[in-house]
Amino acid sequence: MIRMRTMLEVADNTGAKKASCIGVIGRSGRLIAEVGDIISANVKEATPDATVKKGEVVKGVVVRTKNKIRRPDGTSLRFDSNALV
């Protein structure tokens, strides 16, 4: 469950390290994003040689959440951190 201003780790090779959620795209009025949702995020930390710089607004897909994900067979899945690609 990702809300506004939630800090996420960036799990790709753009050079960004952390980002903050600033909006959910395509959920028509929903303020919460789940795994698979597209969000817009603000880059908070980046390496010096990164392709994206600190302060840029980027779009990304949520790939991990700390909140449990319930599956139809009754099992649940939980990760240690929130992540964005």
PDB file of N, CA and C in Angstrom:
ATOM      1  N   MET A   1       0.852  -1.162   0.000  1.00  0.00           N
ATOM      2  CA  MET A   1       0.000   0.000   0.000  1.00  0.00           C
ATOM      3  C   MET A   1       0.903   1.231   0.000  1.00  0.00           C
ATOM      4  N   ILE A   2       0.936   1.928  -1.106  1.00  0.00           N
ATOM      5  CA  ILE A   2       1.797   3.099  -1.280  1.00  0.00           C
ATOM      6  C   ILE A   2       0.908   4.334  -1.327  1.00  0.00           C
ATOM      7  N   ARG A   3       1.163   5.274  -0.443  1.00  0.00           N
ATOM      8  CA  ARG A   3       0.422   6.526  -0.392  1.00  0.00           C
ATOM      9  C   ARG A   3       1.319   7.672  -0.816  1.00  0.00           C
ATOM     10  N   MET A   4       0.766   8.879  -0.802  1.00  0.00           N
ATOM     11  CA  MET A   4       1.554  10.068  -1.096  1.00  0.00           C
ATOM     12  C   MET A   4       2.703  10.180  -0.098  1.00  0.00           C
ATOM     13  N   ARG A   5       3.864  10.596  -0.585  1.00  0.00           N
ATOM     14  CA  ARG A   5       5.085  10.832   0.201  1.00  0.00           C
ATOM     15  C   ARG A   5       5.713   9.571   0.773  1.00  0.00           C
ATOM     16  N   THR A   6       5.287   8.402   0.331  1.00  0.00           N
ATOM     17  CA  THR A   6       5.928   7.167   0.762  1.00  0.00           C
ATOM     18  C   THR A   6       7.285   7.057   0.081  1.00  0.00           C
ATOM     19  N   MET A   7       8.320   6.749   0.851  1.00  0.00           N
ATOM     20  CA  MET A   7       9.654   6.584   0.300  1.00  0.00           C
ATOM     21  C   MET A   7       9.806   5.168  -0.254  1.00  0.00           C
ATOM     22  N   LEU A   8      10.371   5.076  -1.469  1.00  0.00           N
ATOM     23  CA  LEU A   8      10.566   3.796  -2.131  1.00  0.00           C
ATOM     24  C   LEU A   8      12.014   3.658  -2.568  1.00  0.00           C
ATOM     25  N   GLU A   9      12.520   2.436  -2.546  1.00  0.00           N
ATOM     26  CA  GLU A   9      13.828   2.163  -3.127  1.00  0.00           C
ATOM     27  C   GLU A   9      13.648   2.032  -4.638  1.00  0.00           C
ATOM     28  N   VAL A  10      14.668   2.420  -5.394  1.00  0.00           N
ATOM     29  CA  VAL A  10      14.599   2.296  -6.851  1.00  0.00           C
ATOM     30  C   VAL A  10      15.398   1.056  -7.250  1.00  0.00           C
ATOM     31  N   ALA A  11      14.738   0.116  -7.916  1.00  0.00           N
ATOM     32  CA  ALA A  11      15.333  -1.184  -8.225  1.00  0.00           C
ATOM     33  C   ALA A  11      15.641  -1.320  -9.715  1.00  0.00           C
ATOM     34  N   ASP A  12      16.331  -0.342 -10.280  1.00  0.00           N
ATOM     35  CA  ASP A  12      16.756  -0.446 -11.677  1.00  0.00           C
ATOM     36  C   ASP A  12      18.135   0.206 -11.821  1.00  0.00           C
ATOM     37  N   ASN A  13      18.621   0.336 -13.032  1.00  0.00           N
ATOM     38  CA  ASN A  13      19.987   0.824 -13.247  1.00  0.00           C
ATOM     39  C   ASN A  13      20.045   2.280 -13.725  1.00  0.00           C
ATOM     40  N   THR A  14      19.079   3.106 -13.352  1.00  0.00           N
ATOM     41  CA  THR A  14      19.102   4.513 -13.748  1.00  0.00           C
ATOM     42  C   THR A  14      20.043   5.334 -12.889  1.00  0.00           C
ATOM     43  N   GLY A  15      20.419   4.831 -11.724  1.00  0.00           N
ATOM     44  CA  GLY A  15      21.297   5.554 -10.822  1.00  0.00           C
ATOM     45  C   GLY A  15      20.568   6.211  -9.673  1.00  0.00           C
ATOM     46  N   ALA A  16      19.249   6.231  -9.719  1.00  0.00           N
ATOM     47  CA  ALA A  16      18.470   6.766  -8.604  1.00  0.00           C
ATOM     48  C   ALA A  16      18.472   5.730  -7.482  1.00  0.00           C
ATOM     49  N   LYS A  17      18.506   6.205  -6.249  1.00  0.00           N
ATOM     50  CA  LYS A  17      18.525   5.298  -5.100  1.00  0.00           C
ATOM     51  C   LYS A  17      17.201   5.300  -4.344  1.00  0.00           C
ATOM     52  N   LYS A  18      16.634   6.481  -4.100  1.00  0.00           N
ATOM     53  CA  LYS A  18      15.368   6.590  -3.376  1.00  0.00           C
ATOM     54  C   LYS A  18      14.458   7.567  -4.089  1.00  0.00           C
ATOM     55  N   ALA A  19      13.166   7.312  -3.997  1.00  0.00           N
ATOM     56  CA  ALA A  19      12.160   8.182  -4.608  1.00  0.00           C
ATOM     57  C   ALA A  19      10.954   8.270  -3.680  1.00  0.00           C
ATOM     58  N   SER A  20      10.178   9.325  -3.852  1.00  0.00           N
ATOM     59  CA  SER A  20       8.989   9.555  -3.047  1.00  0.00           C
ATOM     60  C   SER A  20       7.773   9.601  -3.967  1.00  0.00           C
ATOM     61  N   CYS A  21       6.726   8.899  -3.608  1.00  0.00           N
ATOM     62  CA  CYS A  21       5.507   8.860  -4.410  1.00  0.00           C
ATOM     63  C   CYS A  21       4.800  10.211  -4.360  1.00  0.00           C
ATOM     64  N   ILE A  22       4.397  10.721  -5.531  1.00  0.00           N
ATOM     65  CA  ILE A  22       3.643  11.978  -5.565  1.00  0.00           C
ATOM     66  C   ILE A  22       2.286  11.826  -6.234  1.00  0.00           C
ATOM     67  N   GLY A  23       1.965  10.633  -6.740  1.00  0.00           N
ATOM     68  CA  GLY A  23       0.653  10.438  -7.330  1.00  0.00           C
ATOM     69  C   GLY A  23       0.506   9.076  -7.976  1.00  0.00           C
ATOM     70  N   VAL A  24      -0.724   8.594  -8.048  1.00  0.00           N
ATOM     71  CA  VAL A  24      -1.045   7.323  -8.689  1.00  0.00           C
ATOM     72  C   VAL A  24      -1.650   7.627 -10.044  1.00  0.00           C
ATOM     73  N   ILE A  25      -1.157   6.973 -11.079  1.00  0.00           N
ATOM     74  CA  ILE A  25      -1.611   7.234 -12.440  1.00  0.00           C
ATOM     75  C   ILE A  25      -2.573   6.128 -12.867  1.00  0.00           C
ATOM     76  N   GLY A  26      -3.730   6.535 -13.415  1.00  0.00           N
ATOM     77  CA  GLY A  26      -4.660   5.586 -14.002  1.00  0.00           C
ATOM     78  C   GLY A  26      -5.574   4.873 -13.037  1.00  0.00           C
ATOM     79  N   ARG A  27      -5.683   5.310 -11.797  1.00  0.00           N
ATOM     80  CA  ARG A  27      -6.566   4.636 -10.845  1.00  0.00           C
ATOM     81  C   ARG A  27      -7.824   5.455 -10.570  1.00  0.00           C
ATOM     82  N   SER A  28      -8.040   6.523 -11.286  1.00  0.00           N
ATOM     83  CA  SER A  28      -9.235   7.373 -11.245  1.00  0.00           C
ATOM     84  C   SER A  28      -9.771   7.626  -9.833  1.00  0.00           C
ATOM     85  N   GLY A  29      -9.079   8.469  -9.126  1.00  0.00           N
ATOM     86  CA  GLY A  29      -9.547   8.879  -7.812  1.00  0.00           C
ATOM     87  C   GLY A  29      -8.948   8.117  -6.654  1.00  0.00           C
ATOM     88  N   ARG A  30      -8.263   7.023  -6.910  1.00  0.00           N
ATOM     89  CA  ARG A  30      -7.653   6.263  -5.827  1.00  0.00           C
ATOM     90  C   ARG A  30      -6.354   6.939  -5.391  1.00  0.00           C
ATOM     91  N   LEU A  31      -6.108   6.952  -4.115  1.00  0.00           N
ATOM     92  CA  LEU A  31      -4.910   7.580  -3.571  1.00  0.00           C
ATOM     93  C   LEU A  31      -3.870   6.557  -3.143  1.00  0.00           C
ATOM     94  N   ILE A  32      -4.179   5.274  -3.289  1.00  0.00           N
ATOM     95  CA  ILE A  32      -3.293   4.208  -2.846  1.00  0.00           C
ATOM     96  C   ILE A  32      -2.871   3.357  -4.032  1.00  0.00           C
ATOM     97  N   ALA A  33      -1.570   3.054  -4.117  1.00  0.00           N
ATOM     98  CA  ALA A  33      -1.039   2.203  -5.179  1.00  0.00           C
ATOM     99  C   ALA A  33      -0.655   0.850  -4.598  1.00  0.00           C
ATOM    100  N   GLU A  34      -0.787  -0.185  -5.407  1.00  0.00           N
ATOM    101  CA  GLU A  34      -0.410  -1.538  -5.019  1.00  0.00           C
ATOM    102  C   GLU A  34       0.591  -2.060  -6.045  1.00  0.00           C
ATOM    103  N   VAL A  35       1.040  -3.284  -5.869  1.00  0.00           N
ATOM    104  CA  VAL A  35       2.000  -3.889  -6.788  1.00  0.00           C
ATOM    105  C   VAL A  35       1.418  -3.910  -8.197  1.00  0.00           C
ATOM    106  N   GLY A  36       2.181  -3.423  -9.163  1.00  0.00           N
ATOM    107  CA  GLY A  36       1.743  -3.387 -10.553  1.00  0.00           C
ATOM    108  C   GLY A  36       1.187  -2.059 -10.998  1.00  0.00           C
ATOM    109  N   ASP A  37       0.920  -1.148 -10.080  1.00  0.00           N
ATOM    110  CA  ASP A  37       0.372   0.163 -10.426  1.00  0.00           C
ATOM    111  C   ASP A  37       1.482   1.117 -10.863  1.00  0.00           C
ATOM    112  N   ILE A  38       1.140   2.019 -11.764  1.00  0.00           N
ATOM    113  CA  ILE A  38       2.074   3.048 -12.238  1.00  0.00           C
ATOM    114  C   ILE A  38       1.899   4.276 -11.356  1.00  0.00           C
ATOM    115  N   ILE A  39       3.023   4.821 -10.893  1.00  0.00           N
ATOM    116  CA  ILE A  39       2.983   6.024 -10.064  1.00  0.00           C
ATOM    117  C   ILE A  39       3.945   7.056 -10.627  1.00  0.00           C
ATOM    118  N   SER A  40       3.753   8.300 -10.241  1.00  0.00           N
ATOM    119  CA  SER A  40       4.751   9.325 -10.518  1.00  0.00           C
ATOM    120  C   SER A  40       5.495   9.558  -9.213  1.00  0.00           C
ATOM    121  N   ALA A  41       6.802   9.753  -9.318  1.00  0.00           N
ATOM    122  CA  ALA A  41       7.636   9.861  -8.126  1.00  0.00           C
ATOM    123  C   ALA A  41       8.687  10.940  -8.314  1.00  0.00           C
ATOM    124  N   ASN A  42       9.129  11.481  -7.197  1.00  0.00           N
ATOM    125  CA  ASN A  42      10.169  12.490  -7.170  1.00  0.00           C
ATOM    126  C   ASN A  42      11.448  11.825  -6.682  1.00  0.00           C
ATOM    127  N   VAL A  43      12.547  11.969  -7.428  1.00  0.00           N
ATOM    128  CA  VAL A  43      13.825  11.359  -7.054  1.00  0.00           C
ATOM    129  C   VAL A  43      14.412  12.134  -5.884  1.00  0.00           C
ATOM    130  N   LYS A  44      14.689  11.426  -4.780  1.00  0.00           N
ATOM    131  CA  LYS A  44      15.229  12.054  -3.571  1.00  0.00           C
ATOM    132  C   LYS A  44      16.736  11.874  -3.454  1.00  0.00           C
ATOM    133  N   GLU A  45      17.253  10.717  -3.884  1.00  0.00           N
ATOM    134  CA  GLU A  45      18.692  10.444  -3.837  1.00  0.00           C
ATOM    135  C   GLU A  45      19.108   9.814  -5.152  1.00  0.00           C
ATOM    136  N   ALA A  46      20.294  10.209  -5.644  1.00  0.00           N
ATOM    137  CA  ALA A  46      20.821   9.639  -6.885  1.00  0.00           C
ATOM    138  C   ALA A  46      22.341   9.650  -6.828  1.00  0.00           C
ATOM    139  N   THR A  47      22.957   8.738  -7.562  1.00  0.00           N
ATOM    140  CA  THR A  47      24.408   8.719  -7.648  1.00  0.00           C
ATOM    141  C   THR A  47      24.868   9.863  -8.550  1.00  0.00           C
ATOM    142  N   PRO A  48      26.117  10.289  -8.422  1.00  0.00           N
ATOM    143  CA  PRO A  48      26.590  11.429  -9.227  1.00  0.00           C
ATOM    144  C   PRO A  48      26.552  11.197 -10.742  1.00  0.00           C
ATOM    145  N   ASP A  49      26.728   9.957 -11.187  1.00  0.00           N
ATOM    146  CA  ASP A  49      26.750   9.668 -12.623  1.00  0.00           C
ATOM    147  C   ASP A  49      25.421   9.113 -13.128  1.00  0.00           C
ATOM    148  N   ALA A  50      24.337   9.397 -12.420  1.00  0.00           N
ATOM    149  CA  ALA A  50      23.023   8.853 -12.761  1.00  0.00           C
ATOM    150  C   ALA A  50      22.433   9.529 -13.995  1.00  0.00           C
ATOM    151  N   THR A  51      21.560   8.796 -14.705  1.00  0.00           N
ATOM    152  CA  THR A  51      20.860   9.370 -15.860  1.00  0.00           C
ATOM    153  C   THR A  51      19.708  10.257 -15.412  1.00  0.00           C
ATOM    154  N   VAL A  52      19.178  10.001 -14.214  1.00  0.00           N
ATOM    155  CA  VAL A  52      18.171  10.881 -13.621  1.00  0.00           C
ATOM    156  C   VAL A  52      18.816  11.613 -12.461  1.00  0.00           C
ATOM    157  N   LYS A  53      18.439  12.848 -12.262  1.00  0.00           N
ATOM    158  CA  LYS A  53      19.047  13.675 -11.226  1.00  0.00           C
ATOM    159  C   LYS A  53      18.085  13.863 -10.059  1.00  0.00           C
ATOM    160  N   LYS A  54      18.609  14.273  -8.951  1.00  0.00           N
ATOM    161  CA  LYS A  54      17.813  14.549  -7.766  1.00  0.00           C
ATOM    162  C   LYS A  54      16.815  15.657  -8.082  1.00  0.00           C
ATOM    163  N   GLY A  55      15.558  15.463  -7.694  1.00  0.00           N
ATOM    164  CA  GLY A  55      14.520  16.453  -7.925  1.00  0.00           C
ATOM    165  C   GLY A  55      13.687  16.218  -9.164  1.00  0.00           C
ATOM    166  N   GLU A  56      14.093  15.300 -10.029  1.00  0.00           N
ATOM    167  CA  GLU A  56      13.318  15.020 -11.241  1.00  0.00           C
ATOM    168  C   GLU A  56      12.052  14.238 -10.902  1.00  0.00           C
ATOM    169  N   VAL A  57      11.013  14.446 -11.692  1.00  0.00           N
ATOM    170  CA  VAL A  57       9.770  13.694 -11.566  1.00  0.00           C
ATOM    171  C   VAL A  57       9.801  12.590 -12.613  1.00  0.00           C
ATOM    172  N   VAL A  58       9.605  11.351 -12.159  1.00  0.00           N
ATOM    173  CA  VAL A  58       9.674  10.188 -13.045  1.00  0.00           C
ATOM    174  C   VAL A  58       8.425   9.339 -12.864  1.00  0.00           C
ATOM    175  N   LYS A  59       8.158   8.475 -13.845  1.00  0.00           N
ATOM    176  CA  LYS A  59       7.083   7.498 -13.729  1.00  0.00           C
ATOM    177  C   LYS A  59       7.715   6.138 -13.460  1.00  0.00           C
ATOM    178  N   GLY A  60       7.017   5.304 -12.716  1.00  0.00           N
ATOM    179  CA  GLY A  60       7.535   3.985 -12.416  1.00  0.00           C
ATOM    180  C   GLY A  60       6.436   3.024 -12.013  1.00  0.00           C
ATOM    181  N   VAL A  61       6.805   1.745 -11.939  1.00  0.00           N
ATOM    182  CA  VAL A  61       5.879   0.682 -11.559  1.00  0.00           C
ATOM    183  C   VAL A  61       6.285   0.162 -10.182  1.00  0.00           C
ATOM    184  N   VAL A  62       5.316   0.009  -9.300  1.00  0.00           N
ATOM    185  CA  VAL A  62       5.570  -0.537  -7.970  1.00  0.00           C
ATOM    186  C   VAL A  62       5.792  -2.043  -8.109  1.00  0.00           C
ATOM    187  N   VAL A  63       6.943  -2.543  -7.619  1.00  0.00           N
ATOM    188  CA  VAL A  63       7.246  -3.967  -7.748  1.00  0.00           C
ATOM    189  C   VAL A  63       7.304  -4.700  -6.408  1.00  0.00           C
ATOM    190  N   ARG A  64       7.465  -3.970  -5.299  1.00  0.00           N
ATOM    191  CA  ARG A  64       7.480  -4.597  -3.976  1.00  0.00           C
ATOM    192  C   ARG A  64       6.788  -3.682  -2.972  1.00  0.00           C
ATOM    193  N   THR A  65       6.055  -4.266  -2.037  1.00  0.00           N
ATOM    194  CA  THR A  65       5.443  -3.502  -0.954  1.00  0.00           C
ATOM    195  C   THR A  65       5.630  -4.242   0.365  1.00  0.00           C
ATOM    196  N   LYS A  66       5.702  -3.487   1.451  1.00  0.00           N
ATOM    197  CA  LYS A  66       5.794  -4.083   2.781  1.00  0.00           C
ATOM    198  C   LYS A  66       4.462  -4.687   3.206  1.00  0.00           C
ATOM    199  N   ASN A  67       3.377  -4.135   2.698  1.00  0.00           N
ATOM    200  CA  ASN A  67       2.049  -4.635   3.038  1.00  0.00           C
ATOM    201  C   ASN A  67       1.835  -6.013   2.404  1.00  0.00           C
ATOM    202  N   LYS A  68       1.104  -6.897   3.077  1.00  0.00           N
ATOM    203  CA  LYS A  68       0.860  -8.248   2.572  1.00  0.00           C
ATOM    204  C   LYS A  68       0.088  -8.227   1.259  1.00  0.00           C
ATOM    205  N   ILE A  69       0.439  -9.150   0.382  1.00  0.00           N
ATOM    206  CA  ILE A  69      -0.295  -9.369  -0.863  1.00  0.00           C
ATOM    207  C   ILE A  69      -0.994 -10.716  -0.716  1.00  0.00           C
ATOM    208  N   ARG A  70      -2.316 -10.709  -0.736  1.00  0.00           N
ATOM    209  CA  ARG A  70      -3.092 -11.941  -0.612  1.00  0.00           C
ATOM    210  C   ARG A  70      -3.283 -12.572  -1.984  1.00  0.00           C
ATOM    211  N   ARG A  71      -3.036 -13.865  -2.060  1.00  0.00           N
ATOM    212  CA  ARG A  71      -3.242 -14.596  -3.305  1.00  0.00           C
ATOM    213  C   ARG A  71      -4.538 -15.392  -3.211  1.00  0.00           C
ATOM    214  N   PRO A  72      -5.125 -15.746  -4.368  1.00  0.00           N
ATOM    215  CA  PRO A  72      -6.408 -16.469  -4.347  1.00  0.00           C
ATOM    216  C   PRO A  72      -6.350 -17.826  -3.624  1.00  0.00           C
ATOM    217  N   ASP A  73      -5.164 -18.458  -3.592  1.00  0.00           N
ATOM    218  CA  ASP A  73      -5.066 -19.764  -2.931  1.00  0.00           C
ATOM    219  C   ASP A  73      -4.882 -19.657  -1.413  1.00  0.00           C
ATOM    220  N   GLY A  74      -4.894 -18.428  -0.873  1.00  0.00           N
ATOM    221  CA  GLY A  74      -4.818 -18.245   0.571  1.00  0.00           C
ATOM    222  C   GLY A  74      -3.451 -17.882   1.099  1.00  0.00           C
ATOM    223  N   THR A  75      -2.420 -18.004   0.283  1.00  0.00           N
ATOM    224  CA  THR A  75      -1.083 -17.637   0.738  1.00  0.00           C
ATOM    225  C   THR A  75      -0.908 -16.123   0.697  1.00  0.00           C
ATOM    226  N   SER A  76       0.064 -15.623   1.444  1.00  0.00           N
ATOM    227  CA  SER A  76       0.343 -14.196   1.433  1.00  0.00           C
ATOM    228  C   SER A  76       1.826 -13.981   1.175  1.00  0.00           C
ATOM    229  N   LEU A  77       2.147 -12.816   0.629  1.00  0.00           N
ATOM    230  CA  LEU A  77       3.509 -12.487   0.243  1.00  0.00           C
ATOM    231  C   LEU A  77       3.830 -11.113   0.796  1.00  0.00           C
ATOM    232  N   ARG A  78       4.990 -10.995   1.436  1.00  0.00           N
ATOM    233  CA  ARG A  78       5.392  -9.715   2.010  1.00  0.00           C
ATOM    234  C   ARG A  78       6.886  -9.519   1.753  1.00  0.00           C
ATOM    235  N   PHE A  79       7.283  -8.277   1.431  1.00  0.00           N
ATOM    236  CA  PHE A  79       8.675  -7.943   1.190  1.00  0.00           C
ATOM    237  C   PHE A  79       9.197  -7.064   2.320  1.00  0.00           C
ATOM    238  N   ASP A  80      10.518  -6.899   2.383  1.00  0.00           N
ATOM    239  CA  ASP A  80      11.142  -6.085   3.430  1.00  0.00           C
ATOM    240  C   ASP A  80      11.082  -4.602   3.145  1.00  0.00           C
ATOM    241  N   SER A  81      10.883  -4.229   1.882  1.00  0.00           N
ATOM    242  CA  SER A  81      10.896  -2.798   1.534  1.00  0.00           C
ATOM    243  C   SER A  81       9.930  -2.518   0.406  1.00  0.00           C
ATOM    244  N   ASN A  82       9.626  -1.226   0.236  1.00  0.00           N
ATOM    245  CA  ASN A  82       8.836  -0.778  -0.895  1.00  0.00           C
ATOM    246  C   ASN A  82       9.798  -0.456  -2.032  1.00  0.00           C
ATOM    247  N   ALA A  83       9.493  -0.889  -3.244  1.00  0.00           N
ATOM    248  CA  ALA A  83      10.409  -0.647  -4.355  1.00  0.00           C
ATOM    249  C   ALA A  83       9.663  -0.245  -5.616  1.00  0.00           C
ATOM    250  N   LEU A  84      10.398   0.465  -6.473  1.00  0.00           N
ATOM    251  CA  LEU A  84       9.879   1.044  -7.710  1.00  0.00           C
ATOM    252  C   LEU A  84      10.869   0.764  -8.818  1.00  0.00           C
ATOM    253  N   VAL A  85      10.379   0.526 -10.028  1.00  0.00           N
ATOM    254  CA  VAL A  85      11.250   0.357 -11.198  1.00  0.00           C
ATOM    255  C   VAL A  85      10.903   1.425 -12.192  1.00  0.00           C
TER     256      VAL A  85
END
